[in-house]
């Protein structure tokens, strides 16, 4: 009888701990890719090295995004110019601008 209580207590602990442990597994944000031209810019210039979910860790204005992109890519051969740069910056500010809440 005593072992049944011990087994029941252990089972209760495990069942209670599973949802808590599952929440800890969410270490990355889930970002829905944009459609159209912005997605083409991301595929061509960004997603070969990192996912778009990396952007969710920031909440920056346009100048902040421009500065971050330049700093992160200064030693790489990724150079965005013209319309591609404008499209990407517009999307970043609309999705991860100062009014957004960055992923912890």
PDB file of N, CA and C in Angstrom:
ATOM      1  N   UNK A   1       0.817  -1.205   0.000  1.00  0.00           N
ATOM      2  CA  UNK A   1       0.000   0.000   0.000  1.00  0.00           C
ATOM      3  C   UNK A   1       0.857   1.264   0.000  1.00  0.00           C
ATOM      4  N   UNK A   2       1.948   1.224   0.780  1.00  0.00           N
ATOM      5  CA  UNK A   2       2.821   2.385   0.875  1.00  0.00           C
ATOM      6  C   UNK A   2       3.475   2.696  -0.479  1.00  0.00           C
ATOM      7  N   UNK A   3       3.867   1.677  -1.231  1.00  0.00           N
ATOM      8  CA  UNK A   3       4.501   1.902  -2.519  1.00  0.00           C
ATOM      9  C   UNK A   3       3.528   2.506  -3.527  1.00  0.00           C
ATOM     10  N   UNK A   4       2.227   2.217  -3.384  1.00  0.00           N
ATOM     11  CA  UNK A   4       1.226   2.797  -4.276  1.00  0.00           C
ATOM     12  C   UNK A   4       1.132   4.307  -4.075  1.00  0.00           C
ATOM     13  N   UNK A   5       1.235   4.736  -2.835  1.00  0.00           N
ATOM     14  CA  UNK A   5       1.207   6.180  -2.545  1.00  0.00           C
ATOM     15  C   UNK A   5       2.447   6.856  -3.117  1.00  0.00           C
ATOM     16  N   UNK A   6       3.593   6.182  -3.025  1.00  0.00           N
ATOM     17  CA  UNK A   6       4.829   6.734  -3.553  1.00  0.00           C
ATOM     18  C   UNK A   6       4.755   6.832  -5.076  1.00  0.00           C
ATOM     19  N   UNK A   7       4.272   5.799  -5.721  1.00  0.00           N
ATOM     20  CA  UNK A   7       4.125   5.807  -7.176  1.00  0.00           C
ATOM     21  C   UNK A   7       3.141   6.893  -7.598  1.00  0.00           C
ATOM     22  N   UNK A   8       2.041   7.020  -6.881  1.00  0.00           N
ATOM     23  CA  UNK A   8       1.035   8.037  -7.200  1.00  0.00           C
ATOM     24  C   UNK A   8       1.626   9.443  -7.038  1.00  0.00           C
ATOM     25  N   UNK A   9       2.409   9.646  -6.001  1.00  0.00           N
ATOM     26  CA  UNK A   9       3.038  10.951  -5.778  1.00  0.00           C
ATOM     27  C   UNK A   9       4.036  11.271  -6.886  1.00  0.00           C
ATOM     28  N   UNK A  10       4.848  10.280  -7.279  1.00  0.00           N
ATOM     29  CA  UNK A  10       5.803  10.488  -8.362  1.00  0.00           C
ATOM     30  C   UNK A  10       5.097  10.781  -9.681  1.00  0.00           C
ATOM     31  N   UNK A  11       4.031  10.056  -9.952  1.00  0.00           N
ATOM     32  CA  UNK A  11       3.264  10.284 -11.164  1.00  0.00           C
ATOM     33  C   UNK A  11       2.678  11.698 -11.182  1.00  0.00           C
ATOM     34  N   UNK A  12       2.189  12.150 -10.058  1.00  0.00           N
ATOM     35  CA  UNK A  12       1.638  13.500  -9.954  1.00  0.00           C
ATOM     36  C   UNK A  12       2.721  14.549 -10.228  1.00  0.00           C
ATOM     37  N   UNK A  13       3.911  14.333  -9.704  1.00  0.00           N
ATOM     38  CA  UNK A  13       5.021  15.263  -9.930  1.00  0.00           C
ATOM     39  C   UNK A  13       5.390  15.310 -11.407  1.00  0.00           C
ATOM     40  N   UNK A  14       5.494  14.152 -12.039  1.00  0.00           N
ATOM     41  CA  UNK A  14       5.857  14.093 -13.462  1.00  0.00           C
ATOM     42  C   UNK A  14       4.797  14.769 -14.310  1.00  0.00           C
ATOM     43  N   UNK A  15       3.538  14.483 -14.065  1.00  0.00           N
ATOM     44  CA  UNK A  15       2.454  15.062 -14.858  1.00  0.00           C
ATOM     45  C   UNK A  15       2.409  16.578 -14.675  1.00  0.00           C
ATOM     46  N   UNK A  16       2.705  17.043 -13.491  1.00  0.00           N
ATOM     47  CA  UNK A  16       2.719  18.481 -13.232  1.00  0.00           C
ATOM     48  C   UNK A  16       3.926  19.146 -13.890  1.00  0.00           C
ATOM     49  N   UNK A  17       5.059  18.471 -13.928  1.00  0.00           N
ATOM     50  CA  UNK A  17       6.291  19.064 -14.453  1.00  0.00           C
ATOM     51  C   UNK A  17       6.316  19.135 -15.970  1.00  0.00           C
ATOM     52  N   UNK A  18       5.621  18.272 -16.671  1.00  0.00           N
ATOM     53  CA  UNK A  18       5.679  18.231 -18.135  1.00  0.00           C
ATOM     54  C   UNK A  18       5.299  19.568 -18.778  1.00  0.00           C
ATOM     55  N   UNK A  19       4.186  20.217 -18.416  1.00  0.00           N
ATOM     56  CA  UNK A  19       3.874  21.511 -19.043  1.00  0.00           C
ATOM     57  C   UNK A  19       4.910  22.582 -18.734  1.00  0.00           C
ATOM     58  N   UNK A  20       5.475  22.553 -17.551  1.00  0.00           N
ATOM     59  CA  UNK A  20       6.491  23.538 -17.187  1.00  0.00           C
ATOM     60  C   UNK A  20       7.738  23.345 -18.034  1.00  0.00           C
ATOM     61  N   UNK A  21       8.170  22.125 -18.192  1.00  0.00           N
ATOM     62  CA  UNK A  21       9.351  21.836 -19.004  1.00  0.00           C
ATOM     63  C   UNK A  21       9.100  22.138 -20.480  1.00  0.00           C
ATOM     64  N   UNK A  22       7.892  21.905 -20.936  1.00  0.00           N
ATOM     65  CA  UNK A  22       7.557  22.175 -22.334  1.00  0.00           C
ATOM     66  C   UNK A  22       7.648  23.667 -22.637  1.00  0.00           C
ATOM     67  N   UNK A  23       7.260  24.518 -21.694  1.00  0.00           N
ATOM     68  CA  UNK A  23       7.344  25.957 -21.898  1.00  0.00           C
ATOM     69  C   UNK A  23       8.785  26.407 -22.028  1.00  0.00           C
ATOM     70  N   UNK A  24       9.678  25.777 -21.297  1.00  0.00           N
ATOM     71  CA  UNK A  24      11.087  26.148 -21.362  1.00  0.00           C
ATOM     72  C   UNK A  24      11.689  25.814 -22.719  1.00  0.00           C
ATOM     73  N   UNK A  25      11.101  24.881 -23.439  1.00  0.00           N
ATOM     74  CA  UNK A  25      11.618  24.489 -24.737  1.00  0.00           C
ATOM     75  C   UNK A  25      11.385  25.536 -25.819  1.00  0.00           C
ATOM     76  N   UNK A  26      10.544  26.519 -25.573  1.00  0.00           N
ATOM     77  CA  UNK A  26      10.246  27.554 -26.563  1.00  0.00           C
ATOM     78  C   UNK A  26      11.330  28.619 -26.525  1.00  0.00           C
ATOM     79  N   UNK A  27      12.525  28.270 -26.975  1.00  0.00           N
ATOM     80  CA  UNK A  27      13.663  29.177 -26.897  1.00  0.00           C
ATOM     81  C   UNK A  27      13.772  30.081 -28.117  1.00  0.00           C
ATOM     82  N   UNK A  28      13.006  29.818 -29.148  1.00  0.00           N
ATOM     83  CA  UNK A  28      13.060  30.619 -30.355  1.00  0.00           C
ATOM     84  C   UNK A  28      11.678  31.144 -30.697  1.00  0.00           C
ATOM     85  N   UNK A  29      11.591  32.374 -31.150  1.00  0.00           N
ATOM     86  CA  UNK A  29      10.293  32.892 -31.589  1.00  0.00           C
ATOM     87  C   UNK A  29       9.897  32.267 -32.921  1.00  0.00           C
ATOM     88  N   UNK A  30       8.632  32.283 -33.208  1.00  0.00           N
ATOM     89  CA  UNK A  30       8.130  31.784 -34.486  1.00  0.00           C
ATOM     90  C   UNK A  30       7.659  32.992 -35.303  1.00  0.00           C
ATOM     91  N   UNK A  31       8.371  33.291 -36.354  1.00  0.00           N
ATOM     92  CA  UNK A  31       8.057  34.438 -37.202  1.00  0.00           C
ATOM     93  C   UNK A  31       7.486  33.940 -38.523  1.00  0.00           C
ATOM     94  N   UNK A  32       6.342  34.458 -38.874  1.00  0.00           N
ATOM     95  CA  UNK A  32       5.718  34.102 -40.146  1.00  0.00           C
ATOM     96  C   UNK A  32       6.413  34.869 -41.269  1.00  0.00           C
ATOM     97  N   UNK A  33       6.913  34.159 -42.263  1.00  0.00           N
ATOM     98  CA  UNK A  33       7.600  34.842 -43.367  1.00  0.00           C
ATOM     99  C   UNK A  33       6.639  35.761 -44.132  1.00  0.00           C
ATOM    100  N   UNK A  34       7.150  36.889 -44.613  1.00  0.00           N
ATOM    101  CA  UNK A  34       6.305  37.778 -45.412  1.00  0.00           C
ATOM    102  C   UNK A  34       6.082  37.198 -46.806  1.00  0.00           C
ATOM    103  N   UNK A  35       5.156  37.771 -47.514  1.00  0.00           N
ATOM    104  CA  UNK A  35       4.890  37.368 -48.898  1.00  0.00           C
ATOM    105  C   UNK A  35       5.583  38.331 -49.864  1.00  0.00           C
ATOM    106  N   UNK A  36       5.635  37.930 -51.095  1.00  0.00           N
ATOM    107  CA  UNK A  36       6.033  38.816 -52.177  1.00  0.00           C
ATOM    108  C   UNK A  36       7.489  39.233 -52.198  1.00  0.00           C
ATOM    109  N   UNK A  37       7.731  40.466 -52.607  1.00  0.00           N
ATOM    110  CA  UNK A  37       9.090  40.946 -52.823  1.00  0.00           C
ATOM    111  C   UNK A  37       9.981  40.905 -51.571  1.00  0.00           C
ATOM    112  N   UNK A  38       9.411  41.164 -50.414  1.00  0.00           N
ATOM    113  CA  UNK A  38      10.223  41.134 -49.189  1.00  0.00           C
ATOM    114  C   UNK A  38      10.742  39.723 -48.946  1.00  0.00           C
ATOM    115  N   UNK A  39       9.894  38.728 -49.170  1.00  0.00           N
ATOM    116  CA  UNK A  39      10.334  37.348 -48.998  1.00  0.00           C
ATOM    117  C   UNK A  39      11.463  37.015 -49.971  1.00  0.00           C
ATOM    118  N   UNK A  40      11.392  37.533 -51.174  1.00  0.00           N
ATOM    119  CA  UNK A  40      12.456  37.294 -52.154  1.00  0.00           C
ATOM    120  C   UNK A  40      13.783  37.913 -51.676  1.00  0.00           C
ATOM    121  N   UNK A  41      13.715  39.109 -51.100  1.00  0.00           N
ATOM    122  CA  UNK A  41      14.922  39.752 -50.561  1.00  0.00           C
ATOM    123  C   UNK A  41      15.490  38.927 -49.418  1.00  0.00           C
ATOM    124  N   UNK A  42      14.635  38.461 -48.516  1.00  0.00           N
ATOM    125  CA  UNK A  42      15.084  37.641 -47.389  1.00  0.00           C
ATOM    126  C   UNK A  42      15.705  36.335 -47.862  1.00  0.00           C
ATOM    127  N   UNK A  43      15.064  35.685 -48.807  1.00  0.00           N
ATOM    128  CA  UNK A  43      15.598  34.414 -49.326  1.00  0.00           C
ATOM    129  C   UNK A  43      16.937  34.597 -50.013  1.00  0.00           C
ATOM    130  N   UNK A  44      17.044  35.654 -50.792  1.00  0.00           N
ATOM    131  CA  UNK A  44      18.259  35.889 -51.562  1.00  0.00           C
ATOM    132  C   UNK A  44      19.437  36.325 -50.678  1.00  0.00           C
ATOM    133  N   UNK A  45      19.162  37.117 -49.638  1.00  0.00           N
ATOM    134  CA  UNK A  45      20.247  37.743 -48.889  1.00  0.00           C
ATOM    135  C   UNK A  45      20.410  37.281 -47.445  1.00  0.00           C
ATOM    136  N   UNK A  46      19.371  36.724 -46.843  1.00  0.00           N
ATOM    137  CA  UNK A  46      19.414  36.504 -45.397  1.00  0.00           C
ATOM    138  C   UNK A  46      19.329  35.038 -44.974  1.00  0.00           C
ATOM    139  N   UNK A  47      18.362  34.333 -45.520  1.00  0.00           N
ATOM    140  CA  UNK A  47      18.044  33.004 -44.982  1.00  0.00           C
ATOM    141  C   UNK A  47      19.102  31.945 -45.259  1.00  0.00           C
ATOM    142  N   UNK A  48      20.094  32.240 -46.065  1.00  0.00           N
ATOM    143  CA  UNK A  48      21.182  31.300 -46.279  1.00  0.00           C
ATOM    144  C   UNK A  48      22.079  31.175 -45.055  1.00  0.00           C
ATOM    145  N   UNK A  49      22.091  32.211 -44.212  1.00  0.00           N
ATOM    146  CA  UNK A  49      22.962  32.213 -43.027  1.00  0.00           C
ATOM    147  C   UNK A  49      22.194  32.124 -41.716  1.00  0.00           C
ATOM    148  N   UNK A  50      20.999  32.669 -41.677  1.00  0.00           N
ATOM    149  CA  UNK A  50      20.228  32.668 -40.426  1.00  0.00           C
ATOM    150  C   UNK A  50      18.743  32.739 -40.733  1.00  0.00           C
ATOM    151  N   UNK A  51      17.954  32.379 -39.756  1.00  0.00           N
ATOM    152  CA  UNK A  51      16.510  32.430 -39.908  1.00  0.00           C
ATOM    153  C   UNK A  51      15.971  33.822 -39.670  1.00  0.00           C
ATOM    154  N   UNK A  52      14.757  34.058 -40.124  1.00  0.00           N
ATOM    155  CA  UNK A  52      14.159  35.371 -39.905  1.00  0.00           C
ATOM    156  C   UNK A  52      13.706  35.549 -38.466  1.00  0.00           C
ATOM    157  N   UNK A  53      13.655  34.451 -37.713  1.00  0.00           N
ATOM    158  CA  UNK A  53      13.266  34.559 -36.314  1.00  0.00           C
ATOM    159  C   UNK A  53      14.297  35.326 -35.489  1.00  0.00           C
ATOM    160  N   UNK A  54      15.531  35.440 -35.962  1.00  0.00           N
ATOM    161  CA  UNK A  54      16.549  36.229 -35.263  1.00  0.00           C
ATOM    162  C   UNK A  54      16.118  37.678 -35.096  1.00  0.00           C
ATOM    163  N   UNK A  55      15.327  38.174 -36.030  1.00  0.00           N
ATOM    164  CA  UNK A  55      14.884  39.567 -35.974  1.00  0.00           C
ATOM    165  C   UNK A  55      13.940  39.846 -34.819  1.00  0.00           C
ATOM    166  N   UNK A  56      13.243  38.833 -34.334  1.00  0.00           N
ATOM    167  CA  UNK A  56      12.248  39.023 -33.279  1.00  0.00           C
ATOM    168  C   UNK A  56      12.867  39.363 -31.927  1.00  0.00           C
ATOM    169  N   UNK A  57      14.180  39.272 -31.809  1.00  0.00           N
ATOM    170  CA  UNK A  57      14.849  39.616 -30.558  1.00  0.00           C
ATOM    171  C   UNK A  57      15.099  41.118 -30.433  1.00  0.00           C
ATOM    172  N   UNK A  58      14.675  41.886 -31.435  1.00  0.00           N
ATOM    173  CA  UNK A  58      14.921  43.332 -31.457  1.00  0.00           C
ATOM    174  C   UNK A  58      13.621  44.090 -31.685  1.00  0.00           C
ATOM    175  N   UNK A  59      13.593  45.321 -31.227  1.00  0.00           N
ATOM    176  CA  UNK A  59      12.494  46.253 -31.487  1.00  0.00           C
ATOM    177  C   UNK A  59      13.133  47.608 -31.768  1.00  0.00           C
ATOM    178  N   UNK A  60      13.458  47.846 -33.038  1.00  0.00           N
ATOM    179  CA  UNK A  60      14.256  49.013 -33.404  1.00  0.00           C
ATOM    180  C   UNK A  60      13.536  49.907 -34.410  1.00  0.00           C
ATOM    181  N   UNK A  61      13.927  51.164 -34.419  1.00  0.00           N
ATOM    182  CA  UNK A  61      13.437  52.060 -35.462  1.00  0.00           C
ATOM    183  C   UNK A  61      14.283  51.836 -36.714  1.00  0.00           C
ATOM    184  N   UNK A  62      13.988  52.585 -37.753  1.00  0.00           N
ATOM    185  CA  UNK A  62      14.662  52.374 -39.041  1.00  0.00           C
ATOM    186  C   UNK A  62      16.182  52.568 -38.930  1.00  0.00           C
ATOM    187  N   UNK A  63      16.596  53.619 -38.256  1.00  0.00           N
ATOM    188  CA  UNK A  63      18.035  53.870 -38.088  1.00  0.00           C
ATOM    189  C   UNK A  63      18.686  52.752 -37.278  1.00  0.00           C
ATOM    190  N   UNK A  64      17.987  52.252 -36.279  1.00  0.00           N
ATOM    191  CA  UNK A  64      18.507  51.153 -35.475  1.00  0.00           C
ATOM    192  C   UNK A  64      18.678  49.882 -36.284  1.00  0.00           C
ATOM    193  N   UNK A  65      17.692  49.563 -37.132  1.00  0.00           N
ATOM    194  CA  UNK A  65      17.801  48.383 -37.984  1.00  0.00           C
ATOM    195  C   UNK A  65      18.931  48.547 -38.996  1.00  0.00           C
ATOM    196  N   UNK A  66      19.039  49.734 -39.574  1.00  0.00           N
ATOM    197  CA  UNK A  66      20.113  49.990 -40.541  1.00  0.00           C
ATOM    198  C   UNK A  66      21.472  49.772 -39.874  1.00  0.00           C
ATOM    199  N   UNK A  67      21.637  50.312 -38.690  1.00  0.00           N
ATOM    200  CA  UNK A  67      22.894  50.179 -37.961  1.00  0.00           C
ATOM    201  C   UNK A  67      23.189  48.723 -37.597  1.00  0.00           C
ATOM    202  N   UNK A  68      22.170  48.000 -37.133  1.00  0.00           N
ATOM    203  CA  UNK A  68      22.349  46.594 -36.762  1.00  0.00           C
ATOM    204  C   UNK A  68      22.731  45.750 -37.977  1.00  0.00           C
ATOM    205  N   UNK A  69      22.051  45.967 -39.085  1.00  0.00           N
ATOM    206  CA  UNK A  69      22.362  45.216 -40.299  1.00  0.00           C
ATOM    207  C   UNK A  69      23.796  45.477 -40.758  1.00  0.00           C
ATOM    208  N   UNK A  70      24.200  46.724 -40.722  1.00  0.00           N
ATOM    209  CA  UNK A  70      25.566  47.058 -41.135  1.00  0.00           C
ATOM    210  C   UNK A  70      26.591  46.421 -40.199  1.00  0.00           C
ATOM    211  N   UNK A  71      26.346  46.488 -38.903  1.00  0.00           N
ATOM    212  CA  UNK A  71      27.288  45.928 -37.927  1.00  0.00           C
ATOM    213  C   UNK A  71      27.385  44.407 -38.037  1.00  0.00           C
ATOM    214  N   UNK A  72      26.247  43.752 -38.192  1.00  0.00           N
ATOM    215  CA  UNK A  72      26.233  42.283 -38.250  1.00  0.00           C
ATOM    216  C   UNK A  72      26.828  41.732 -39.543  1.00  0.00           C
ATOM    217  N   UNK A  73      26.785  42.513 -40.601  1.00  0.00           N
ATOM    218  CA  UNK A  73      27.209  42.011 -41.907  1.00  0.00           C
ATOM    219  C   UNK A  73      28.471  42.671 -42.440  1.00  0.00           C
ATOM    220  N   UNK A  74      29.162  43.437 -41.617  1.00  0.00           N
ATOM    221  CA  UNK A  74      30.329  44.169 -42.130  1.00  0.00           C
ATOM    222  C   UNK A  74      31.454  43.256 -42.590  1.00  0.00           C
ATOM    223  N   UNK A  75      31.590  42.073 -41.994  1.00  0.00           N
ATOM    224  CA  UNK A  75      32.651  41.148 -42.394  1.00  0.00           C
ATOM    225  C   UNK A  75      32.172  40.097 -43.390  1.00  0.00           C
ATOM    226  N   UNK A  76      30.955  40.222 -43.844  1.00  0.00           N
ATOM    227  CA  UNK A  76      30.408  39.269 -44.808  1.00  0.00           C
ATOM    228  C   UNK A  76      30.215  39.957 -46.144  1.00  0.00           C
ATOM    229  N   UNK A  77      29.919  39.179 -47.151  1.00  0.00           N
ATOM    230  CA  UNK A  77      29.746  39.746 -48.482  1.00  0.00           C
ATOM    231  C   UNK A  77      28.275  40.007 -48.800  1.00  0.00           C
ATOM    232  N   UNK A  78      27.516  40.365 -47.790  1.00  0.00           N
ATOM    233  CA  UNK A  78      26.108  40.690 -47.983  1.00  0.00           C
ATOM    234  C   UNK A  78      25.978  42.204 -48.026  1.00  0.00           C
ATOM    235  N   UNK A  79      25.581  42.709 -49.169  1.00  0.00           N
ATOM    236  CA  UNK A  79      25.408  44.146 -49.321  1.00  0.00           C
ATOM    237  C   UNK A  79      24.025  44.382 -49.920  1.00  0.00           C
ATOM    238  N   UNK A  80      23.175  44.999 -49.148  1.00  0.00           N
ATOM    239  CA  UNK A  80      21.844  45.343 -49.634  1.00  0.00           C
ATOM    240  C   UNK A  80      21.855  46.789 -50.089  1.00  0.00           C
ATOM    241  N   UNK A  81      21.351  47.033 -51.250  1.00  0.00           N
ATOM    242  CA  UNK A  81      21.290  48.395 -51.743  1.00  0.00           C
ATOM    243  C   UNK A  81      19.947  48.629 -52.421  1.00  0.00           C
ATOM    244  N   UNK A  82      19.668  49.867 -52.640  1.00  0.00           N
ATOM    245  CA  UNK A  82      18.500  50.264 -53.416  1.00  0.00           C
ATOM    246  C   UNK A  82      17.180  49.742 -52.896  1.00  0.00           C
ATOM    247  N   UNK A  83      16.392  49.214 -53.820  1.00  0.00           N
ATOM    248  CA  UNK A  83      15.046  48.769 -53.501  1.00  0.00           C
ATOM    249  C   UNK A  83      15.034  47.601 -52.514  1.00  0.00           C
ATOM    250  N   UNK A  84      15.991  46.677 -52.618  1.00  0.00           N
ATOM    251  CA  UNK A  84      16.058  45.544 -51.680  1.00  0.00           C
ATOM    252  C   UNK A  84      16.227  46.036 -50.252  1.00  0.00           C
ATOM    253  N   UNK A  85      17.105  46.991 -50.061  1.00  0.00           N
ATOM    254  CA  UNK A  85      17.343  47.529 -48.729  1.00  0.00           C
ATOM    255  C   UNK A  85      16.096  48.237 -48.204  1.00  0.00           C
ATOM    256  N   UNK A  86      15.460  49.019 -49.050  1.00  0.00           N
ATOM    257  CA  UNK A  86      14.249  49.741 -48.641  1.00  0.00           C
ATOM    258  C   UNK A  86      13.134  48.769 -48.254  1.00  0.00           C
ATOM    259  N   UNK A  87      12.921  47.744 -49.075  1.00  0.00           N
ATOM    260  CA  UNK A  87      11.893  46.744 -48.774  1.00  0.00           C
ATOM    261  C   UNK A  87      12.163  46.051 -47.444  1.00  0.00           C
ATOM    262  N   UNK A  88      13.409  45.646 -47.236  1.00  0.00           N
ATOM    263  CA  UNK A  88      13.758  44.941 -46.003  1.00  0.00           C
ATOM    264  C   UNK A  88      13.597  45.846 -44.784  1.00  0.00           C
ATOM    265  N   UNK A  89      14.109  47.061 -44.853  1.00  0.00           N
ATOM    266  CA  UNK A  89      13.987  47.975 -43.717  1.00  0.00           C
ATOM    267  C   UNK A  89      12.526  48.299 -43.414  1.00  0.00           C
ATOM    268  N   UNK A  90      11.722  48.516 -44.456  1.00  0.00           N
ATOM    269  CA  UNK A  90      10.286  48.774 -44.239  1.00  0.00           C
ATOM    270  C   UNK A  90       9.636  47.614 -43.507  1.00  0.00           C
ATOM    271  N   UNK A  91       9.941  46.386 -43.935  1.00  0.00           N
ATOM    272  CA  UNK A  91       9.344  45.209 -43.306  1.00  0.00           C
ATOM    273  C   UNK A  91       9.830  45.051 -41.859  1.00  0.00           C
ATOM    274  N   UNK A  92      11.121  45.218 -41.640  1.00  0.00           N
ATOM    275  CA  UNK A  92      11.670  45.074 -40.282  1.00  0.00           C
ATOM    276  C   UNK A  92      11.031  46.063 -39.322  1.00  0.00           C
ATOM    277  N   UNK A  93      10.888  47.304 -39.742  1.00  0.00           N
ATOM    278  CA  UNK A  93      10.286  48.323 -38.870  1.00  0.00           C
ATOM    279  C   UNK A  93       8.805  48.039 -38.646  1.00  0.00           C
ATOM    280  N   UNK A  94       8.106  47.568 -39.684  1.00  0.00           N
ATOM    281  CA  UNK A  94       6.673  47.286 -39.516  1.00  0.00           C
ATOM    282  C   UNK A  94       6.436  46.078 -38.608  1.00  0.00           C
ATOM    283  N   UNK A  95       7.330  45.114 -38.660  1.00  0.00           N
ATOM    284  CA  UNK A  95       7.155  43.871 -37.889  1.00  0.00           C
ATOM    285  C   UNK A  95       7.866  43.927 -36.537  1.00  0.00           C
ATOM    286  N   UNK A  96       9.048  44.541 -36.497  1.00  0.00           N
ATOM    287  CA  UNK A  96       9.879  44.558 -35.292  1.00  0.00           C
ATOM    288  C   UNK A  96      10.344  45.965 -34.957  1.00  0.00           C
ATOM    289  N   UNK A  97       9.430  46.907 -35.072  1.00  0.00           N
ATOM    290  CA  UNK A  97       9.746  48.309 -34.791  1.00  0.00           C
ATOM    291  C   UNK A  97       9.661  48.633 -33.310  1.00  0.00           C
ATOM    292  N   UNK A  98       9.840  49.906 -32.982  1.00  0.00           N
ATOM    293  CA  UNK A  98       9.856  50.323 -31.573  1.00  0.00           C
ATOM    294  C   UNK A  98       8.562  50.007 -30.817  1.00  0.00           C
ATOM    295  N   UNK A  99       7.446  49.918 -31.535  1.00  0.00           N
ATOM    296  CA  UNK A  99       6.176  49.624 -30.869  1.00  0.00           C
ATOM    297  C   UNK A  99       5.991  48.132 -30.589  1.00  0.00           C
ATOM    298  N   UNK A 100       6.862  47.295 -31.161  1.00  0.00           N
ATOM    299  CA  UNK A 100       6.735  45.853 -30.949  1.00  0.00           C
ATOM    300  C   UNK A 100       7.412  45.456 -29.643  1.00  0.00           C
ATOM    301  N   UNK A 101       7.159  44.241 -29.234  1.00  0.00           N
ATOM    302  CA  UNK A 101       7.755  43.709 -28.003  1.00  0.00           C
ATOM    303  C   UNK A 101       8.760  42.634 -28.402  1.00  0.00           C
ATOM    304  N   UNK A 102      10.054  42.874 -28.146  1.00  0.00           N
ATOM    305  CA  UNK A 102      11.048  41.878 -28.557  1.00  0.00           C
ATOM    306  C   UNK A 102      10.922  40.584 -27.779  1.00  0.00           C
ATOM    307  N   UNK A 103      11.274  39.487 -28.415  1.00  0.00           N
ATOM    308  CA  UNK A 103      11.274  38.178 -27.780  1.00  0.00           C
ATOM    309  C   UNK A 103      12.383  38.184 -26.718  1.00  0.00           C
ATOM    310  N   UNK A 104      12.080  37.665 -25.528  1.00  0.00           N
ATOM    311  CA  UNK A 104      13.089  37.721 -24.450  1.00  0.00           C
ATOM    312  C   UNK A 104      14.320  36.875 -24.733  1.00  0.00           C
TER     313      UNK A 104
END
